Amino acid sequence: TVKSCSTLLDRNIKTVSTQKRSAYRKMAITTDVELIHLMLNEFSISIEIT
């Protein structure tokens, strides 16, 4: 989540949210599902479901 990322990175939650939106805009995506799809198909990233 954005909150967990902001805590992990020691950044303000609004900063992380803005950076996430900016990255999504650059990748022409709008949802987390689209990001996962992009990672799996375009970057050959695999995930382990447990």
C-alpha atoms as a PDB file:
ATOM      1  CA  THR A   1       0.000   0.000   0.000  1.00  0.00           C
ATOM      2  CA  VAL A   2       1.001   3.615  -0.323  1.00  0.00           C
ATOM      3  CA  LYS A   3       1.005   3.923   3.458  1.00  0.00           C
ATOM      4  CA  SER A   4       3.370   0.982   3.949  1.00  0.00           C
ATOM      5  CA  CYS A   5       5.662   2.305   1.207  1.00  0.00           C
ATOM      6  CA  SER A   6       5.753   5.741   2.805  1.00  0.00           C
ATOM      7  CA  THR A   7       6.648   4.205   6.160  1.00  0.00           C
ATOM      8  CA  LEU A   8       9.313   1.963   4.638  1.00  0.00           C
ATOM      9  CA  LEU A   9      10.840   4.858   2.675  1.00  0.00           C
ATOM     10  CA  ASP A  10      10.405   7.359   5.520  1.00  0.00           C
ATOM     11  CA  ARG A  11       8.474   9.696   3.220  1.00  0.00           C
ATOM     12  CA  ASN A  12       5.221  11.577   3.566  1.00  0.00           C
ATOM     13  CA  ILE A  13       2.256   9.561   2.321  1.00  0.00           C
ATOM     14  CA  LYS A  14       1.256  12.418  -0.013  1.00  0.00           C
ATOM     15  CA  THR A  15       4.737  12.405  -1.575  1.00  0.00           C
ATOM     16  CA  VAL A  16       4.577   8.673  -2.251  1.00  0.00           C
ATOM     17  CA  SER A  17       1.047   8.980  -3.626  1.00  0.00           C
ATOM     18  CA  THR A  18       2.129  11.758  -6.005  1.00  0.00           C
ATOM     19  CA  GLN A  19       5.142   9.745  -7.146  1.00  0.00           C
ATOM     20  CA  LYS A  20       2.925   6.703  -7.742  1.00  0.00           C
ATOM     21  CA  ARG A  21       0.479   8.725  -9.851  1.00  0.00           C
ATOM     22  CA  SER A  22       3.373  10.198 -11.832  1.00  0.00           C
ATOM     23  CA  ALA A  23       4.823   6.745 -12.525  1.00  0.00           C
ATOM     24  CA  TYR A  24       1.409   5.412 -13.560  1.00  0.00           C
ATOM     25  CA  ARG A  25       0.944   8.352 -15.929  1.00  0.00           C
ATOM     26  CA  LYS A  26       4.364   7.711 -17.539  1.00  0.00           C
ATOM     27  CA  MET A  27       3.468   4.035 -18.023  1.00  0.00           C
ATOM     28  CA  ALA A  28      -0.018   4.945 -19.316  1.00  0.00           C
ATOM     29  CA  ILE A  29      -1.777   2.890 -16.640  1.00  0.00           C
ATOM     30  CA  THR A  30      -4.401   3.820 -14.067  1.00  0.00           C
ATOM     31  CA  THR A  31      -4.787   0.869 -11.694  1.00  0.00           C
ATOM     32  CA  ASP A  32      -2.717  -1.542  -9.618  1.00  0.00           C
ATOM     33  CA  VAL A  33      -4.128  -4.398 -11.704  1.00  0.00           C
ATOM     34  CA  GLU A  34      -2.740  -2.795 -14.860  1.00  0.00           C
ATOM     35  CA  LEU A  35       0.643  -2.446 -13.138  1.00  0.00           C
ATOM     36  CA  ILE A  36       0.696  -6.148 -12.249  1.00  0.00           C
ATOM     37  CA  HIS A  37      -0.326  -7.047 -15.802  1.00  0.00           C
ATOM     38  CA  LEU A  38       2.471  -4.854 -17.174  1.00  0.00           C
ATOM     39  CA  MET A  39       5.041  -6.408 -14.829  1.00  0.00           C
ATOM     40  CA  LEU A  40       4.016  -9.959 -15.704  1.00  0.00           C
ATOM     41  CA  ASN A  41       3.824  -9.475 -19.468  1.00  0.00           C
ATOM     42  CA  GLU A  42       6.256  -6.739 -20.420  1.00  0.00           C
ATOM     43  CA  PHE A  43       9.022  -7.237 -17.869  1.00  0.00           C
ATOM     44  CA  SER A  44       8.764 -11.026 -17.417  1.00  0.00           C
ATOM     45  CA  ILE A  45       8.450 -10.674 -13.653  1.00  0.00           C
ATOM     46  CA  SER A  46       7.058 -13.753 -11.970  1.00  0.00           C
ATOM     47  CA  ILE A  47       5.117 -13.919  -8.742  1.00  0.00           C
ATOM     48  CA  GLU A  48       4.655 -16.743  -6.276  1.00  0.00           C
ATOM     49  CA  ILE A  49       1.159 -17.179  -4.920  1.00  0.00           C
ATOM     50  CA  THR A  50       1.061 -18.892  -1.540  1.00  0.00           C
END
